PDB file of N, CA and C in Angstrom:
ATOM      1  N   UNK A   1      69.172   3.626  -9.149  1.00  0.00           N
ATOM      2  CA  UNK A   1      69.584   2.243  -9.217  1.00  0.00           C
ATOM      3  C   UNK A   1      69.488   1.671  -7.807  1.00  0.00           C
ATOM      4  N   UNK A   2      68.874   0.522  -7.689  1.00  0.00           N
ATOM      5  CA  UNK A   2      68.674  -0.086  -6.388  1.00  0.00           C
ATOM      6  C   UNK A   2      69.922  -0.754  -5.845  1.00  0.00           C
ATOM      7  N   UNK A   3      69.859  -1.074  -4.557  1.00  0.00           N
ATOM      8  CA  UNK A   3      70.988  -1.708  -3.887  1.00  0.00           C
ATOM      9  C   UNK A   3      71.325  -3.056  -4.511  1.00  0.00           C
ATOM     10  N   UNK A   4      70.289  -3.817  -4.862  1.00  0.00           N
ATOM     11  CA  UNK A   4      70.537  -5.131  -5.464  1.00  0.00           C
ATOM     12  C   UNK A   4      71.249  -4.997  -6.808  1.00  0.00           C
ATOM     13  N   UNK A   5      70.863  -4.003  -7.577  1.00  0.00           N
ATOM     14  CA  UNK A   5      71.504  -3.793  -8.879  1.00  0.00           C
ATOM     15  C   UNK A   5      72.970  -3.414  -8.703  1.00  0.00           C
ATOM     16  N   UNK A   6      73.249  -2.568  -7.720  1.00  0.00           N
ATOM     17  CA  UNK A   6      74.633  -2.160  -7.465  1.00  0.00           C
ATOM     18  C   UNK A   6      75.460  -3.354  -6.997  1.00  0.00           C
ATOM     19  N   UNK A   7      74.887  -4.167  -6.095  1.00  0.00           N
ATOM     20  CA  UNK A   7      75.593  -5.363  -5.632  1.00  0.00           C
ATOM     21  C   UNK A   7      75.874  -6.309  -6.796  1.00  0.00           C
ATOM     22  N   UNK A   8      74.906  -6.460  -7.690  1.00  0.00           N
ATOM     23  CA  UNK A   8      75.095  -7.316  -8.865  1.00  0.00           C
ATOM     24  C   UNK A   8      76.251  -6.803  -9.720  1.00  0.00           C
ATOM     25  N   UNK A   9      76.280  -5.478  -9.941  1.00  0.00           N
ATOM     26  CA  UNK A   9      77.341  -4.902 -10.768  1.00  0.00           C
ATOM     27  C   UNK A   9      78.715  -5.119 -10.145  1.00  0.00           C
ATOM     28  N   UNK A  10      78.822  -4.918  -8.819  1.00  0.00           N
ATOM     29  CA  UNK A  10      80.108  -5.116  -8.162  1.00  0.00           C
ATOM     30  C   UNK A  10      80.521  -6.583  -8.173  1.00  0.00           C
ATOM     31  N   UNK A  11      79.568  -7.494  -7.977  1.00  0.00           N
ATOM     32  CA  UNK A  11      79.886  -8.922  -8.047  1.00  0.00           C
ATOM     33  C   UNK A  11      80.373  -9.290  -9.442  1.00  0.00           C
ATOM     34  N   UNK A  12      79.701  -8.753 -10.458  1.00  0.00           N
ATOM     35  CA  UNK A  12      80.098  -9.026 -11.841  1.00  0.00           C
ATOM     36  C   UNK A  12      81.486  -8.449 -12.122  1.00  0.00           C
ATOM     37  N   UNK A  13      81.743  -7.250 -11.620  1.00  0.00           N
ATOM     38  CA  UNK A  13      83.049  -6.620 -11.817  1.00  0.00           C
ATOM     39  C   UNK A  13      84.143  -7.423 -11.128  1.00  0.00           C
ATOM     40  N   UNK A  14      83.886  -7.866  -9.882  1.00  0.00           N
ATOM     41  CA  UNK A  14      84.874  -8.680  -9.166  1.00  0.00           C
ATOM     42  C   UNK A  14      85.190  -9.961  -9.924  1.00  0.00           C
ATOM     43  N   UNK A  15      84.156 -10.615 -10.448  1.00  0.00           N
ATOM     44  CA  UNK A  15      84.365 -11.850 -11.206  1.00  0.00           C
ATOM     45  C   UNK A  15      85.181 -11.573 -12.463  1.00  0.00           C
ATOM     46  N   UNK A  16      84.908 -10.451 -13.109  1.00  0.00           N
ATOM     47  CA  UNK A  16      85.632 -10.082 -14.333  1.00  0.00           C
ATOM     48  C   UNK A  16      87.096  -9.775 -14.026  1.00  0.00           C
ATOM     49  N   UNK A  17      87.336  -9.015 -12.958  1.00  0.00           N
ATOM     50  CA  UNK A  17      88.704  -8.617 -12.630  1.00  0.00           C
ATOM     51  C   UNK A  17      89.552  -9.787 -12.155  1.00  0.00           C
ATOM     52  N   UNK A  18      88.921 -10.798 -11.564  1.00  0.00           N
ATOM     53  CA  UNK A  18      89.694 -11.919 -11.031  1.00  0.00           C
ATOM     54  C   UNK A  18      90.336 -12.761 -12.127  1.00  0.00           C
ATOM     55  N   UNK A  19      89.835 -12.687 -13.348  1.00  0.00           N
ATOM     56  CA  UNK A  19      90.403 -13.488 -14.437  1.00  0.00           C
ATOM     57  C   UNK A  19      91.354 -12.681 -15.321  1.00  0.00           C
ATOM     58  N   UNK A  20      91.517 -11.403 -15.047  1.00  0.00           N
ATOM     59  CA  UNK A  20      92.407 -10.570 -15.853  1.00  0.00           C
ATOM     60  C   UNK A  20      93.847 -10.699 -15.379  1.00  0.00           C
ATOM     61  N   UNK A  21      94.771 -10.576 -16.303  1.00  0.00           N
ATOM     62  CA  UNK A  21      96.188 -10.532 -15.947  1.00  0.00           C
ATOM     63  C   UNK A  21      96.521  -9.121 -15.465  1.00  0.00           C
ATOM     64  N   UNK A  22      97.677  -8.972 -14.858  1.00  0.00           N
ATOM     65  CA  UNK A  22      98.075  -7.655 -14.354  1.00  0.00           C
ATOM     66  C   UNK A  22      98.116  -6.592 -15.457  1.00  0.00           C
ATOM     67  N   UNK A  23      98.716  -6.849 -16.619  1.00  0.00           N
ATOM     68  CA  UNK A  23      98.698  -5.828 -17.677  1.00  0.00           C
ATOM     69  C   UNK A  23      97.277  -5.455 -18.119  1.00  0.00           C
ATOM     70  N   UNK A  24      96.375  -6.439 -18.137  1.00  0.00           N
ATOM     71  CA  UNK A  24      94.989  -6.151 -18.512  1.00  0.00           C
ATOM     72  C   UNK A  24      94.305  -5.288 -17.457  1.00  0.00           C
ATOM     73  N   UNK A  25      94.596  -5.575 -16.178  1.00  0.00           N
ATOM     74  CA  UNK A  25      94.025  -4.767 -15.095  1.00  0.00           C
ATOM     75  C   UNK A  25      94.534  -3.325 -15.176  1.00  0.00           C
ATOM     76  N   UNK A  26      95.839  -3.178 -15.438  1.00  0.00           N
ATOM     77  CA  UNK A  26      96.410  -1.835 -15.548  1.00  0.00           C
ATOM     78  C   UNK A  26      95.815  -1.076 -16.726  1.00  0.00           C
ATOM     79  N   UNK A  27      95.636  -1.762 -17.847  1.00  0.00           N
ATOM     80  CA  UNK A  27      95.031  -1.121 -19.017  1.00  0.00           C
ATOM     81  C   UNK A  27      93.601  -0.698 -18.719  1.00  0.00           C
ATOM     82  N   UNK A  28      92.880  -1.522 -17.979  1.00  0.00           N
ATOM     83  CA  UNK A  28      91.504  -1.180 -17.625  1.00  0.00           C
ATOM     84  C   UNK A  28      91.470   0.022 -16.678  1.00  0.00           C
ATOM     85  N   UNK A  29      92.435   0.090 -15.746  1.00  0.00           N
ATOM     86  CA  UNK A  29      92.501   1.228 -14.834  1.00  0.00           C
ATOM     87  C   UNK A  29      92.783   2.519 -15.595  1.00  0.00           C
ATOM     88  N   UNK A  30      93.706   2.466 -16.546  1.00  0.00           N
ATOM     89  CA  UNK A  30      94.037   3.650 -17.347  1.00  0.00           C
ATOM     90  C   UNK A  30      92.828   4.094 -18.155  1.00  0.00           C
ATOM     91  N   UNK A  31      92.138   3.144 -18.772  1.00  0.00           N
ATOM     92  CA  UNK A  31      90.952   3.478 -19.562  1.00  0.00           C
ATOM     93  C   UNK A  31      89.868   4.082 -18.680  1.00  0.00           C
ATOM     94  N   UNK A  32      89.720   3.562 -17.470  1.00  0.00           N
ATOM     95  CA  UNK A  32      88.721   4.079 -16.544  1.00  0.00           C
ATOM     96  C   UNK A  32      89.045   5.517 -16.147  1.00  0.00           C
ATOM     97  N   UNK A  33      90.323   5.795 -15.850  1.00  0.00           N
ATOM     98  CA  UNK A  33      90.730   7.156 -15.496  1.00  0.00           C
ATOM     99  C   UNK A  33      90.512   8.108 -16.667  1.00  0.00           C
ATOM    100  N   UNK A  34      90.839   7.667 -17.877  1.00  0.00           N
ATOM    101  CA  UNK A  34      90.640   8.496 -19.064  1.00  0.00           C
ATOM    102  C   UNK A  34      89.160   8.815 -19.249  1.00  0.00           C
ATOM    103  N   UNK A  35      88.307   7.802 -19.086  1.00  0.00           N
ATOM    104  CA  UNK A  35      86.863   7.997 -19.234  1.00  0.00           C
ATOM    105  C   UNK A  35      86.340   8.955 -18.177  1.00  0.00           C
ATOM    106  N   UNK A  36      86.796   8.802 -16.938  1.00  0.00           N
ATOM    107  CA  UNK A  36      86.354   9.683 -15.862  1.00  0.00           C
ATOM    108  C   UNK A  36      86.780  11.122 -16.132  1.00  0.00           C
ATOM    109  N   UNK A  37      88.029  11.326 -16.540  1.00  0.00           N
ATOM    110  CA  UNK A  37      88.514  12.676 -16.814  1.00  0.00           C
ATOM    111  C   UNK A  37      87.766  13.297 -17.991  1.00  0.00           C
ATOM    112  N   UNK A  38      87.480  12.499 -19.017  1.00  0.00           N
ATOM    113  CA  UNK A  38      86.729  13.009 -20.170  1.00  0.00           C
ATOM    114  C   UNK A  38      85.312  13.396 -19.766  1.00  0.00           C
ATOM    115  N   UNK A  39      84.706  12.624 -18.876  1.00  0.00           N
ATOM    116  CA  UNK A  39      83.357  12.940 -18.393  1.00  0.00           C
ATOM    117  C   UNK A  39      83.362  14.243 -17.609  1.00  0.00           C
ATOM    118  N   UNK A  40      84.349  14.403 -16.733  1.00  0.00           N
ATOM    119  CA  UNK A  40      84.455  15.641 -15.951  1.00  0.00           C
ATOM    120  C   UNK A  40      84.690  16.820 -16.883  1.00  0.00           C
ATOM    121  N   UNK A  41      85.550  16.632 -17.877  1.00  0.00           N
ATOM    122  CA  UNK A  41      85.820  17.726 -18.823  1.00  0.00           C
ATOM    123  C   UNK A  41      84.551  18.114 -19.574  1.00  0.00           C
ATOM    124  N   UNK A  42      83.775  17.126 -19.974  1.00  0.00           N
ATOM    125  CA  UNK A  42      82.529  17.398 -20.688  1.00  0.00           C
ATOM    126  C   UNK A  42      81.567  18.181 -19.798  1.00  0.00           C
ATOM    127  N   UNK A  43      81.447  17.773 -18.532  1.00  0.00           N
ATOM    128  CA  UNK A  43      80.499  18.430 -17.632  1.00  0.00           C
ATOM    129  C   UNK A  43      80.972  19.820 -17.211  1.00  0.00           C
ATOM    130  N   UNK A  44      82.268  19.980 -16.959  1.00  0.00           N
ATOM    131  CA  UNK A  44      82.790  21.257 -16.472  1.00  0.00           C
ATOM    132  C   UNK A  44      83.298  22.165 -17.581  1.00  0.00           C
ATOM    133  N   UNK A  45      83.560  21.593 -18.739  1.00  0.00           N
ATOM    134  CA  UNK A  45      84.117  22.371 -19.830  1.00  0.00           C
ATOM    135  C   UNK A  45      85.612  22.585 -19.708  1.00  0.00           C
ATOM    136  N   UNK A  46      86.273  21.806 -18.833  1.00  0.00           N
ATOM    137  CA  UNK A  46      87.727  21.899 -18.673  1.00  0.00           C
ATOM    138  C   UNK A  46      88.223  20.584 -18.094  1.00  0.00           C
ATOM    139  N   UNK A  47      89.544  20.366 -18.137  1.00  0.00           N
ATOM    140  CA  UNK A  47      90.117  19.171 -17.532  1.00  0.00           C
ATOM    141  C   UNK A  47      89.997  19.268 -16.026  1.00  0.00           C
ATOM    142  N   UNK A  48      89.840  18.149 -15.367  1.00  0.00           N
ATOM    143  CA  UNK A  48      89.707  18.128 -13.911  1.00  0.00           C
ATOM    144  C   UNK A  48      90.964  18.656 -13.235  1.00  0.00           C
ATOM    145  N   UNK A  49      92.111  18.526 -13.874  1.00  0.00           N
ATOM    146  CA  UNK A  49      93.377  18.939 -13.271  1.00  0.00           C
ATOM    147  C   UNK A  49      93.795  20.347 -13.673  1.00  0.00           C
ATOM    148  N   UNK A  50      92.924  21.088 -14.362  1.00  0.00           N
ATOM    149  CA  UNK A  50      93.275  22.434 -14.809  1.00  0.00           C
ATOM    150  C   UNK A  50      93.200  23.485 -13.708  1.00  0.00           C
ATOM    151  N   UNK A  51      92.607  23.158 -12.581  1.00  0.00           N
ATOM    152  CA  UNK A  51      92.472  24.132 -11.507  1.00  0.00           C
ATOM    153  C   UNK A  51      93.830  24.549 -10.976  1.00  0.00           C
ATOM    154  N   UNK A  52      93.872  25.681 -10.339  1.00  0.00           N
ATOM    155  CA  UNK A  52      95.127  26.160  -9.787  1.00  0.00           C
ATOM    156  C   UNK A  52      95.508  25.327  -8.576  1.00  0.00           C
ATOM    157  N   UNK A  53      96.730  24.886  -8.531  1.00  0.00           N
ATOM    158  CA  UNK A  53      97.220  24.138  -7.377  1.00  0.00           C
ATOM    159  C   UNK A  53      97.623  25.133  -6.300  1.00  0.00           C
ATOM    160  N   UNK A  54      97.350  24.787  -5.046  1.00  0.00           N
ATOM    161  CA  UNK A  54      97.759  25.701  -3.968  1.00  0.00           C
ATOM    162  C   UNK A  54      99.281  25.747  -3.865  1.00  0.00           C
ATOM    163  N   UNK A  55      99.776  26.881  -3.452  1.00  0.00           N
ATOM    164  CA  UNK A  55     101.221  27.007  -3.267  1.00  0.00           C
ATOM    165  C   UNK A  55     101.553  26.589  -1.844  1.00  0.00           C
ATOM    166  N   UNK A  56     102.581  25.777  -1.699  1.00  0.00           N
ATOM    167  CA  UNK A  56     102.964  25.280  -0.388  1.00  0.00           C
ATOM    168  C   UNK A  56     104.192  26.024   0.112  1.00  0.00           C
ATOM    169  N   UNK A  57     104.173  26.292   1.399  1.00  0.00           N
ATOM    170  CA  UNK A  57     105.336  26.897   2.043  1.00  0.00           C
ATOM    171  C   UNK A  57     106.370  25.796   2.289  1.00  0.00           C
ATOM    172  N   UNK A  58     107.561  26.181   2.670  1.00  0.00           N
ATOM    173  CA  UNK A  58     108.617  25.195   2.889  1.00  0.00           C
ATOM    174  C   UNK A  58     108.291  24.238   4.035  1.00  0.00           C
ATOM    175  N   UNK A  59     107.408  24.664   4.970  1.00  0.00           N
ATOM    176  CA  UNK A  59     107.047  23.773   6.078  1.00  0.00           C
ATOM    177  C   UNK A  59     105.861  22.873   5.725  1.00  0.00           C
ATOM    178  N   UNK A  60     105.372  22.937   4.486  1.00  0.00           N
ATOM    179  CA  UNK A  60     104.280  22.081   4.043  1.00  0.00           C
ATOM    180  C   UNK A  60     102.909  22.697   4.213  1.00  0.00           C
ATOM    181  N   UNK A  61     102.824  23.894   4.784  1.00  0.00           N
ATOM    182  CA  UNK A  61     101.529  24.554   4.975  1.00  0.00           C
ATOM    183  C   UNK A  61     101.129  25.295   3.705  1.00  0.00           C
ATOM    184  N   UNK A  62      99.840  25.416   3.531  1.00  0.00           N
ATOM    185  CA  UNK A  62      99.323  26.141   2.360  1.00  0.00           C
ATOM    186  C   UNK A  62      99.320  27.624   2.654  1.00  0.00           C
TER     187      UNK A  62
END
């Protein structure tokens, strides 16, 4: 995808988001996160958050 196409998409997205109410923006953000996580799950065969979290020491170091 060329630079002009990407700029067009972002301009269109900005115009779309500027007319949405806050609840609509939040709903769109949630849907976007769900779609992204589903895409990662499809590609990796697991949820993106299924990996082991590092254990932290009491001083904040891993």
